[in-house]
N, C-alpha and C. Protein backbone atom coordinates (compact mmCIF):
# COMPACT_ATOMS: atom_id res chain seq x y z
N MET A 1 -7.60 120.85 94.81
CA MET A 1 -6.51 120.91 93.52
C MET A 1 -5.28 119.90 94.00
N LYS A 2 -5.57 119.67 95.59
CA LYS A 2 -4.28 118.10 96.20
C LYS A 2 -4.93 117.27 95.89
N LYS A 3 -6.29 117.08 95.88
CA LYS A 3 -7.01 115.65 95.92
C LYS A 3 -6.56 115.16 94.54
N LYS A 4 -6.85 115.97 93.10
CA LYS A 4 -6.22 115.88 91.76
C LYS A 4 -4.83 114.83 91.91
N PHE A 5 -4.03 115.74 92.55
CA PHE A 5 -2.32 115.28 92.19
C PHE A 5 -2.45 114.40 93.01
N SER A 6 -2.64 113.89 93.90
CA SER A 6 -2.85 112.70 94.90
C SER A 6 -2.89 111.16 94.10
N ALA A 7 -4.12 111.89 92.96
CA ALA A 7 -4.94 110.74 92.64
C ALA A 7 -4.40 109.88 91.21
N LEU A 8 -2.99 110.80 90.84
CA LEU A 8 -2.25 110.41 89.96
C LEU A 8 -1.34 109.44 90.16
N LYS A 9 -1.39 108.17 88.86
CA LYS A 9 -0.45 106.96 89.04
C LYS A 9 1.03 107.53 89.19
N GLN A 10 1.48 107.00 90.25
CA GLN A 10 3.58 107.30 89.82
C GLN A 10 4.00 106.04 88.78
N LEU A 11 4.44 106.90 87.94
CA LEU A 11 5.03 105.75 86.62
C LEU A 11 6.14 105.13 87.34
N THR A 12 6.63 103.77 86.24
CA THR A 12 7.51 103.11 87.05
C THR A 12 8.64 103.68 86.27
N LYS A 13 9.73 103.02 86.48
CA LYS A 13 10.97 103.82 85.67
C LYS A 13 10.95 103.08 84.40
N THR A 14 10.08 102.01 83.92
CA THR A 14 10.47 101.70 82.41
C THR A 14 9.54 102.79 81.85
N GLU A 15 8.24 103.06 82.29
CA GLU A 15 7.34 103.62 81.89
C GLU A 15 7.79 105.37 81.41
N GLN A 16 8.55 105.64 82.32
CA GLN A 16 9.34 107.20 82.99
C GLN A 16 10.18 106.90 81.71
N SER A 17 11.02 106.24 81.37
CA SER A 17 12.20 106.13 80.60
C SER A 17 11.59 106.20 78.93
N HIS A 18 9.97 105.66 78.85
CA HIS A 18 9.48 105.76 77.44
C HIS A 18 9.10 107.36 76.95
N VAL A 19 8.39 107.76 78.10
CA VAL A 19 7.98 109.22 78.02
C VAL A 19 9.24 109.88 77.82
N LYS A 20 9.97 109.49 78.24
CA LYS A 20 11.16 110.67 77.89
C LYS A 20 11.84 110.39 76.32
N GLY A 21 11.57 109.47 75.76
CA GLY A 21 11.78 108.92 74.80
C GLY A 21 12.71 107.85 74.65
N GLY A 22 12.67 107.70 75.42
CA GLY A 22 14.30 106.41 76.07
C GLY A 22 13.35 104.95 75.52
N GLY A 23 12.83 105.09 74.50
CA GLY A 23 12.21 103.52 73.73
C GLY A 23 13.14 102.69 72.85
N VAL A 24 12.61 101.41 72.91
CA VAL A 24 13.62 100.47 71.97
C VAL A 24 14.89 101.20 70.89
N CYS A 25 13.98 102.08 70.14
CA CYS A 25 15.00 102.81 68.90
C CYS A 25 16.18 104.10 69.65
N SER A 26 15.97 104.17 70.97
CA SER A 26 16.97 105.46 71.42
C SER A 26 18.23 104.71 71.28
N GLY A 27 18.79 103.82 71.72
CA GLY A 27 20.24 103.44 71.29
C GLY A 27 20.82 102.98 69.96
N TYR A 28 19.72 103.17 68.96
CA TYR A 28 20.11 103.05 67.65
C TYR A 28 20.40 104.05 66.86
N ASN A 29 21.54 103.84 66.34
CA ASN A 29 21.80 105.32 65.55
C ASN A 29 22.55 104.69 64.30
N GLY A 30 21.60 104.20 63.64
CA GLY A 30 22.69 102.96 62.17
C GLY A 30 21.24 104.02 61.21
N PRO A 31 21.58 103.64 60.13
CA PRO A 31 20.85 104.14 58.85
C PRO A 31 19.17 103.31 59.46
N GLN A 32 17.98 104.78 58.63
CA GLN A 32 16.58 104.80 58.90
C GLN A 32 16.66 103.37 58.04
N VAL A 33 16.92 103.98 56.26
CA VAL A 33 16.18 102.61 55.89
C VAL A 33 17.59 101.68 55.60
N VAL A 34 16.92 100.30 55.18
CA VAL A 34 18.63 99.57 55.17
C VAL A 34 17.87 98.20 54.02
N ASN A 35 18.59 97.72 53.33
CA ASN A 35 17.80 96.75 52.33
C ASN A 35 18.09 95.44 53.18
N CYS A 36 17.82 94.09 53.06
CA CYS A 36 17.55 93.27 53.35
C CYS A 36 18.91 92.63 54.16
N GLU A 37 19.83 92.92 53.66
CA GLU A 37 21.52 92.07 54.10
C GLU A 37 21.76 92.97 55.20
N GLU A 38 21.36 94.35 55.55
CA GLU A 38 21.53 94.88 56.60
C GLU A 38 20.87 95.32 57.40
N PHE A 39 19.70 94.50 56.71
CA PHE A 39 18.22 94.20 57.39
C PHE A 39 18.51 92.81 58.68
N HIS A 40 19.28 91.89 57.91
CA HIS A 40 19.33 90.60 58.82
C HIS A 40 20.69 90.59 59.38
N ALA A 41 21.21 91.48 59.44
CA ALA A 41 22.87 91.62 59.84
C ALA A 41 22.15 92.42 61.43
N LEU A 42 21.48 93.42 61.63
CA LEU A 42 20.90 94.36 62.90
C LEU A 42 20.47 93.04 63.82
N PRO A 43 20.92 93.58 65.13
CA PRO A 43 20.77 92.60 66.17
C PRO A 43 18.94 92.78 66.28
N PRO A 44 18.34 91.56 66.72
CA PRO A 44 16.99 91.27 66.84
C PRO A 44 15.82 92.96 67.34
N GLN A 45 16.78 93.73 68.44
CA GLN A 45 15.90 94.55 69.31
C GLN A 45 15.85 96.08 68.38
N TYR A 46 16.68 95.34 67.09
CA TYR A 46 16.60 97.00 66.57
C TYR A 46 15.91 96.83 65.10
N ARG A 47 15.61 95.98 64.24
CA ARG A 47 15.11 95.65 63.50
C ARG A 47 13.72 96.15 63.07
N ILE A 48 13.28 96.62 64.69
CA ILE A 48 11.52 97.53 64.44
C ILE A 48 12.42 98.95 64.42
N CYS A 49 13.08 99.56 64.08
CA CYS A 49 13.80 101.06 63.79
C CYS A 49 13.72 101.63 62.73
N VAL A 50 13.99 100.11 61.80
CA VAL A 50 14.24 100.74 60.25
C VAL A 50 13.43 100.45 59.09
N ILE A 51 13.27 100.85 58.34
CA ILE A 51 12.63 101.10 57.10
C ILE A 51 13.01 99.74 56.10
N VAL A 52 12.17 98.87 55.75
CA VAL A 52 12.60 97.73 54.90
C VAL A 52 11.88 97.15 54.14
N HIS A 53 11.94 96.72 52.76
CA HIS A 53 10.95 96.74 51.93
C HIS A 53 10.53 94.86 52.81
N PRO A 54 8.88 94.66 52.46
CA PRO A 54 8.36 93.74 52.99
C PRO A 54 9.17 92.35 52.79
N ARG A 55 9.76 91.67 51.23
CA ARG A 55 10.33 90.81 51.19
C ARG A 55 11.18 90.47 52.21
N CYS A 56 12.01 91.13 52.89
CA CYS A 56 13.10 91.17 53.76
C CYS A 56 12.94 90.52 55.31
N LEU A 57 11.20 90.26 55.16
CA LEU A 57 10.93 90.05 56.53
C LEU A 57 10.40 88.51 56.39
N ASP A 58 11.04 87.99 55.37
CA ASP A 58 10.29 86.58 55.30
C ASP A 58 11.72 85.78 56.11
């Protein structure tokens, strides 16, 4: 049993934050569904956190 645990990969801090739910959208607390104007006003890192019509992606 001890050999099984010693063979496990140790996660980096970044990997640990993703496991704990600390992904890109964890800092975003705005609306989930936005219109084009709201989408373009968002910082680029939070644009993947919202639902927007495909026409807004042009």
